[in-house]
Amino acid sequence: MAGRSEGGESEKAEVRESEEREEGAEALEERIYTIPLRDAKKVARWKRSKRAVEEVRKFLRRHTKASVIVIDPALNEKIWGRGAEKPPSKIRVRAKMLEDGVVKAELIE
């Protein structure tokens, strides 16, 4: 278990550092994606929204080649809005690539 928590700690530290840097950093590139979340339906009902967040991260890693993905709180609220069992089947996202290679995902309404 100890090895597992260490990995999570360093990733959280990277995200916190990137959030601090993004305030001053400007977006190098900005794209709009419609992300399908239908693979979230393949897991147990109580895990679906968590899996949908993982699907967003996986999609953005594949399409932007970034290792660190920062999900905006509004996007997270939209996914979890109907509870853990009923995430949306697709979602529109604005992905901003920042100078340091971090991608920030924001909800488009």
N, C-alpha and C. Protein backbone atom coordinates (compact mmCIF):
# COMPACT_ATOMS: atom_id res chain seq x y z
N MET A 1 0.81 -1.19 0.00
CA MET A 1 0.00 0.00 0.00
C MET A 1 0.85 1.26 0.00
N ALA A 2 2.01 1.21 0.65
CA ALA A 2 2.82 2.41 0.78
C ALA A 2 3.27 2.92 -0.59
N GLY A 3 3.64 2.00 -1.48
CA GLY A 3 4.07 2.41 -2.81
C GLY A 3 2.94 3.07 -3.59
N ARG A 4 1.74 2.62 -3.33
CA ARG A 4 0.59 3.16 -4.05
C ARG A 4 0.32 4.61 -3.64
N SER A 5 0.40 4.90 -2.35
CA SER A 5 0.11 6.26 -1.90
C SER A 5 1.20 7.24 -2.34
N GLU A 6 2.44 6.77 -2.44
CA GLU A 6 3.51 7.66 -2.88
C GLU A 6 3.27 8.15 -4.30
N GLY A 7 2.81 7.26 -5.18
CA GLY A 7 2.55 7.65 -6.56
C GLY A 7 1.46 8.70 -6.66
N GLY A 8 0.42 8.56 -5.86
CA GLY A 8 -0.68 9.51 -5.86
C GLY A 8 -0.25 10.86 -5.32
N GLU A 9 0.61 10.84 -4.32
CA GLU A 9 1.08 12.09 -3.72
C GLU A 9 1.86 12.92 -4.74
N SER A 10 2.76 12.28 -5.49
CA SER A 10 3.57 13.04 -6.44
C SER A 10 2.72 13.60 -7.57
N GLU A 11 1.71 12.83 -8.01
CA GLU A 11 0.83 13.32 -9.08
C GLU A 11 0.02 14.51 -8.58
N LYS A 12 -0.46 14.43 -7.34
CA LYS A 12 -1.21 15.55 -6.78
C LYS A 12 -0.33 16.78 -6.65
N ALA A 13 0.93 16.57 -6.27
CA ALA A 13 1.85 17.69 -6.15
C ALA A 13 2.09 18.34 -7.52
N GLU A 14 2.22 17.50 -8.55
CA GLU A 14 2.40 18.03 -9.91
C GLU A 14 1.19 18.86 -10.33
N VAL A 15 0.00 18.37 -10.02
CA VAL A 15 -1.22 19.08 -10.40
C VAL A 15 -1.29 20.42 -9.66
N ARG A 16 -0.98 20.41 -8.35
CA ARG A 16 -1.00 21.65 -7.58
C ARG A 16 -0.01 22.66 -8.14
N GLU A 17 1.20 22.19 -8.47
CA GLU A 17 2.21 23.08 -9.04
C GLU A 17 1.75 23.62 -10.38
N SER A 18 1.14 22.76 -11.20
CA SER A 18 0.68 23.21 -12.51
C SER A 18 -0.46 24.21 -12.38
N GLU A 19 -1.34 24.03 -11.37
CA GLU A 19 -2.42 24.98 -11.16
C GLU A 19 -1.87 26.34 -10.75
N GLU A 20 -0.80 26.33 -9.95
CA GLU A 20 -0.19 27.59 -9.56
C GLU A 20 0.44 28.28 -10.76
N ARG A 21 1.05 27.48 -11.64
CA ARG A 21 1.71 28.06 -12.81
C ARG A 21 0.71 28.54 -13.85
N GLU A 22 -0.45 27.89 -13.95
CA GLU A 22 -1.39 28.21 -15.02
C GLU A 22 -1.99 29.61 -14.88
N GLU A 23 -1.98 30.16 -13.68
CA GLU A 23 -2.51 31.50 -13.50
C GLU A 23 -1.74 32.50 -14.36
N GLY A 24 -0.44 32.34 -14.43
CA GLY A 24 0.39 33.26 -15.21
C GLY A 24 0.64 32.76 -16.63
N ALA A 25 0.44 31.49 -16.88
CA ALA A 25 0.74 30.90 -18.18
C ALA A 25 -0.39 31.18 -19.16
N GLU A 26 -0.01 31.36 -20.41
CA GLU A 26 -1.01 31.56 -21.45
C GLU A 26 -1.16 30.27 -22.26
N ALA A 27 -2.32 30.08 -22.82
CA ALA A 27 -2.59 28.88 -23.60
C ALA A 27 -1.88 28.97 -24.94
N LEU A 28 -1.13 27.92 -25.26
CA LEU A 28 -0.46 27.85 -26.56
C LEU A 28 -1.43 27.42 -27.65
N GLU A 29 -2.29 26.49 -27.30
CA GLU A 29 -3.24 25.96 -28.27
C GLU A 29 -4.54 25.65 -27.55
N GLU A 30 -5.64 25.82 -28.27
CA GLU A 30 -6.96 25.58 -27.69
C GLU A 30 -7.79 24.82 -28.71
N ARG A 31 -8.40 23.72 -28.26
CA ARG A 31 -9.24 22.92 -29.14
C ARG A 31 -10.52 22.53 -28.42
N ILE A 32 -11.55 22.26 -29.21
CA ILE A 32 -12.83 21.82 -28.66
C ILE A 32 -13.04 20.37 -29.08
N TYR A 33 -13.35 19.53 -28.10
CA TYR A 33 -13.57 18.11 -28.34
C TYR A 33 -14.95 17.71 -27.82
N THR A 34 -15.58 16.76 -28.51
CA THR A 34 -16.75 16.08 -27.99
C THR A 34 -16.26 14.70 -27.57
N ILE A 35 -16.26 14.45 -26.27
CA ILE A 35 -15.68 13.23 -25.73
C ILE A 35 -16.79 12.22 -25.46
N PRO A 36 -16.74 11.04 -26.10
CA PRO A 36 -17.74 10.01 -25.82
C PRO A 36 -17.44 9.34 -24.48
N LEU A 37 -18.46 9.18 -23.67
CA LEU A 37 -18.28 8.56 -22.36
C LEU A 37 -19.04 7.24 -22.27
N ARG A 38 -19.36 6.64 -23.40
CA ARG A 38 -20.16 5.42 -23.38
C ARG A 38 -19.41 4.24 -22.77
N ASP A 39 -18.08 4.27 -22.75
CA ASP A 39 -17.34 3.17 -22.12
C ASP A 39 -17.55 3.15 -20.60
N ALA A 40 -18.02 4.25 -20.04
CA ALA A 40 -18.32 4.28 -18.61
C ALA A 40 -19.49 3.35 -18.28
N LYS A 41 -20.30 3.02 -19.28
CA LYS A 41 -21.45 2.13 -19.06
C LYS A 41 -21.02 0.67 -18.93
N LYS A 42 -19.75 0.37 -19.22
CA LYS A 42 -19.27 -1.01 -19.18
C LYS A 42 -18.86 -1.47 -17.79
N VAL A 43 -18.85 -0.55 -16.82
CA VAL A 43 -18.46 -0.91 -15.46
C VAL A 43 -19.69 -0.96 -14.56
N ALA A 44 -19.50 -1.37 -13.32
CA ALA A 44 -20.60 -1.44 -12.37
C ALA A 44 -21.25 -0.07 -12.22
N ARG A 45 -22.54 -0.03 -11.93
CA ARG A 45 -23.28 1.23 -11.89
C ARG A 45 -22.68 2.25 -10.95
N TRP A 46 -22.25 1.84 -9.79
CA TRP A 46 -21.74 2.78 -8.80
C TRP A 46 -20.37 3.32 -9.13
N LYS A 47 -19.71 2.80 -10.18
CA LYS A 47 -18.39 3.28 -10.59
C LYS A 47 -18.43 4.15 -11.85
N ARG A 48 -19.59 4.40 -12.41
CA ARG A 48 -19.67 4.99 -13.74
C ARG A 48 -19.15 6.41 -13.84
N SER A 49 -19.47 7.29 -12.91
CA SER A 49 -18.98 8.67 -13.01
C SER A 49 -17.47 8.73 -12.81
N LYS A 50 -16.97 7.91 -11.91
CA LYS A 50 -15.51 7.86 -11.72
C LYS A 50 -14.84 7.41 -13.01
N ARG A 51 -15.40 6.41 -13.66
CA ARG A 51 -14.84 5.91 -14.91
C ARG A 51 -14.96 6.96 -16.01
N ALA A 52 -16.04 7.76 -16.00
CA ALA A 52 -16.21 8.81 -16.99
C ALA A 52 -15.10 9.86 -16.87
N VAL A 53 -14.72 10.20 -15.65
CA VAL A 53 -13.61 11.15 -15.44
C VAL A 53 -12.32 10.54 -15.98
N GLU A 54 -12.11 9.26 -15.74
CA GLU A 54 -10.93 8.57 -16.27
C GLU A 54 -10.94 8.57 -17.79
N GLU A 55 -12.12 8.40 -18.39
CA GLU A 55 -12.25 8.42 -19.85
C GLU A 55 -11.90 9.79 -20.43
N VAL A 56 -12.29 10.86 -19.73
CA VAL A 56 -11.94 12.21 -20.17
C VAL A 56 -10.42 12.37 -20.17
N ARG A 57 -9.77 11.96 -19.08
CA ARG A 57 -8.31 12.04 -18.98
C ARG A 57 -7.64 11.21 -20.08
N LYS A 58 -8.13 9.98 -20.29
CA LYS A 58 -7.55 9.09 -21.30
C LYS A 58 -7.68 9.70 -22.71
N PHE A 59 -8.85 10.23 -23.01
CA PHE A 59 -9.10 10.84 -24.32
C PHE A 59 -8.15 12.02 -24.55
N LEU A 60 -8.04 12.89 -23.54
CA LEU A 60 -7.20 14.07 -23.70
C LEU A 60 -5.71 13.71 -23.76
N ARG A 61 -5.30 12.68 -23.03
CA ARG A 61 -3.90 12.23 -23.15
C ARG A 61 -3.61 11.75 -24.56
N ARG A 62 -4.56 11.00 -25.12
CA ARG A 62 -4.37 10.44 -26.46
C ARG A 62 -4.34 11.53 -27.53
N HIS A 63 -5.18 12.56 -27.38
CA HIS A 63 -5.31 13.57 -28.42
C HIS A 63 -4.39 14.76 -28.26
N THR A 64 -3.86 14.99 -27.07
CA THR A 64 -2.99 16.15 -26.86
C THR A 64 -1.56 15.77 -26.53
N LYS A 65 -1.29 14.50 -26.26
CA LYS A 65 0.04 14.00 -25.91
C LYS A 65 0.57 14.63 -24.63
N ALA A 66 -0.32 15.01 -23.72
CA ALA A 66 0.08 15.61 -22.45
C ALA A 66 0.04 14.55 -21.35
N SER A 67 0.92 14.70 -20.37
CA SER A 67 0.92 13.73 -19.27
C SER A 67 0.07 14.22 -18.10
N VAL A 68 -0.06 15.54 -17.93
CA VAL A 68 -0.83 16.09 -16.82
C VAL A 68 -2.09 16.75 -17.38
N ILE A 69 -3.24 16.28 -16.91
CA ILE A 69 -4.54 16.82 -17.32
C ILE A 69 -5.20 17.41 -16.08
N VAL A 70 -5.60 18.68 -16.17
CA VAL A 70 -6.29 19.35 -15.07
C VAL A 70 -7.74 19.52 -15.48
N ILE A 71 -8.64 18.93 -14.70
CA ILE A 71 -10.07 19.00 -15.01
C ILE A 71 -10.69 20.13 -14.20
N ASP A 72 -11.38 21.01 -14.90
CA ASP A 72 -12.04 22.16 -14.28
C ASP A 72 -13.17 21.67 -13.36
N PRO A 73 -13.39 22.34 -12.22
CA PRO A 73 -14.47 21.92 -11.31
C PRO A 73 -15.86 21.90 -11.96
N ALA A 74 -16.12 22.79 -12.90
CA ALA A 74 -17.43 22.81 -13.58
C ALA A 74 -17.62 21.53 -14.41
N LEU A 75 -16.57 21.08 -15.06
CA LEU A 75 -16.62 19.84 -15.83
C LEU A 75 -16.87 18.65 -14.91
N ASN A 76 -16.17 18.62 -13.80
CA ASN A 76 -16.35 17.55 -12.82
C ASN A 76 -17.79 17.55 -12.29
N GLU A 77 -18.34 18.73 -12.00
CA GLU A 77 -19.72 18.84 -11.52
C GLU A 77 -20.72 18.33 -12.56
N LYS A 78 -20.45 18.61 -13.82
CA LYS A 78 -21.34 18.15 -14.90
C LYS A 78 -21.36 16.63 -14.98
N ILE A 79 -20.19 16.01 -14.84
CA ILE A 79 -20.11 14.55 -14.91
C ILE A 79 -20.80 13.91 -13.71
N TRP A 80 -20.58 14.47 -12.53
CA TRP A 80 -21.12 13.90 -11.30
C TRP A 80 -22.51 14.45 -10.96
N GLY A 81 -23.06 15.35 -11.77
CA GLY A 81 -24.31 16.04 -11.46
C GLY A 81 -25.50 15.14 -11.20
N ARG A 82 -25.59 14.01 -11.85
CA ARG A 82 -26.71 13.09 -11.66
C ARG A 82 -26.32 11.90 -10.80
N GLY A 83 -25.21 12.03 -10.11
CA GLY A 83 -24.78 10.97 -9.20
C GLY A 83 -23.72 10.07 -9.83
N ALA A 84 -23.32 9.08 -9.06
CA ALA A 84 -22.26 8.17 -9.49
C ALA A 84 -22.73 7.19 -10.55
N GLU A 85 -24.04 6.96 -10.62
CA GLU A 85 -24.56 5.92 -11.50
C GLU A 85 -24.98 6.40 -12.89
N LYS A 86 -25.16 7.71 -13.08
CA LYS A 86 -25.71 8.19 -14.36
C LYS A 86 -24.92 9.36 -14.94
N PRO A 87 -23.70 9.13 -15.40
CA PRO A 87 -22.96 10.21 -16.05
C PRO A 87 -23.53 10.46 -17.45
N PRO A 88 -23.23 11.62 -18.05
CA PRO A 88 -23.69 11.87 -19.42
C PRO A 88 -23.02 10.91 -20.40
N SER A 89 -23.65 10.68 -21.56
CA SER A 89 -23.07 9.76 -22.53
C SER A 89 -21.98 10.41 -23.37
N LYS A 90 -21.98 11.73 -23.45
CA LYS A 90 -20.91 12.47 -24.13
C LYS A 90 -20.85 13.86 -23.53
N ILE A 91 -19.73 14.53 -23.74
CA ILE A 91 -19.54 15.85 -23.14
C ILE A 91 -18.62 16.68 -24.04
N ARG A 92 -18.93 17.99 -24.14
CA ARG A 92 -18.10 18.89 -24.94
C ARG A 92 -17.12 19.61 -24.03
N VAL A 93 -15.86 19.62 -24.46
CA VAL A 93 -14.78 20.12 -23.63
C VAL A 93 -13.88 21.05 -24.44
N ARG A 94 -13.43 22.13 -23.81
CA ARG A 94 -12.40 23.00 -24.40
C ARG A 94 -11.09 22.63 -23.73
N ALA A 95 -10.12 22.18 -24.51
CA ALA A 95 -8.82 21.78 -23.98
C ALA A 95 -7.80 22.86 -24.32
N LYS A 96 -7.17 23.40 -23.28
CA LYS A 96 -6.14 24.42 -23.46
C LYS A 96 -4.79 23.85 -23.09
N MET A 97 -3.86 23.86 -24.06
CA MET A 97 -2.50 23.41 -23.79
C MET A 97 -1.71 24.60 -23.27
N LEU A 98 -1.21 24.49 -22.06
CA LEU A 98 -0.44 25.57 -21.45
C LEU A 98 1.04 25.42 -21.79
N GLU A 99 1.82 26.44 -21.48
CA GLU A 99 3.23 26.47 -21.86
C GLU A 99 4.04 25.30 -21.32
N ASP A 100 3.73 24.85 -20.12
CA ASP A 100 4.53 23.81 -19.49
C ASP A 100 4.06 22.40 -19.83
N GLY A 101 3.23 22.23 -20.86
CA GLY A 101 2.79 20.92 -21.28
C GLY A 101 1.59 20.37 -20.54
N VAL A 102 0.97 21.19 -19.72
CA VAL A 102 -0.23 20.80 -18.98
C VAL A 102 -1.46 21.16 -19.80
N VAL A 103 -2.45 20.27 -19.79
CA VAL A 103 -3.70 20.54 -20.49
C VAL A 103 -4.79 20.80 -19.47
N LYS A 104 -5.49 21.91 -19.64
CA LYS A 104 -6.62 22.25 -18.76
C LYS A 104 -7.90 22.02 -19.55
N ALA A 105 -8.79 21.18 -19.00
CA ALA A 105 -10.06 20.85 -19.64
C ALA A 105 -11.18 21.65 -18.98
N GLU A 106 -11.93 22.38 -19.81
CA GLU A 106 -13.05 23.20 -19.32
C GLU A 106 -14.32 22.77 -20.01
N LEU A 107 -15.43 22.91 -19.31
CA LEU A 107 -16.75 22.56 -19.84
C LEU A 107 -17.22 23.64 -20.81
N ILE A 108 -17.85 23.21 -21.91
CA ILE A 108 -18.49 24.14 -22.83
C ILE A 108 -19.99 23.98 -22.64
N GLU A 109 -20.70 25.09 -22.41
CA GLU A 109 -22.15 25.01 -22.22
C GLU A 109 -22.86 25.75 -23.30
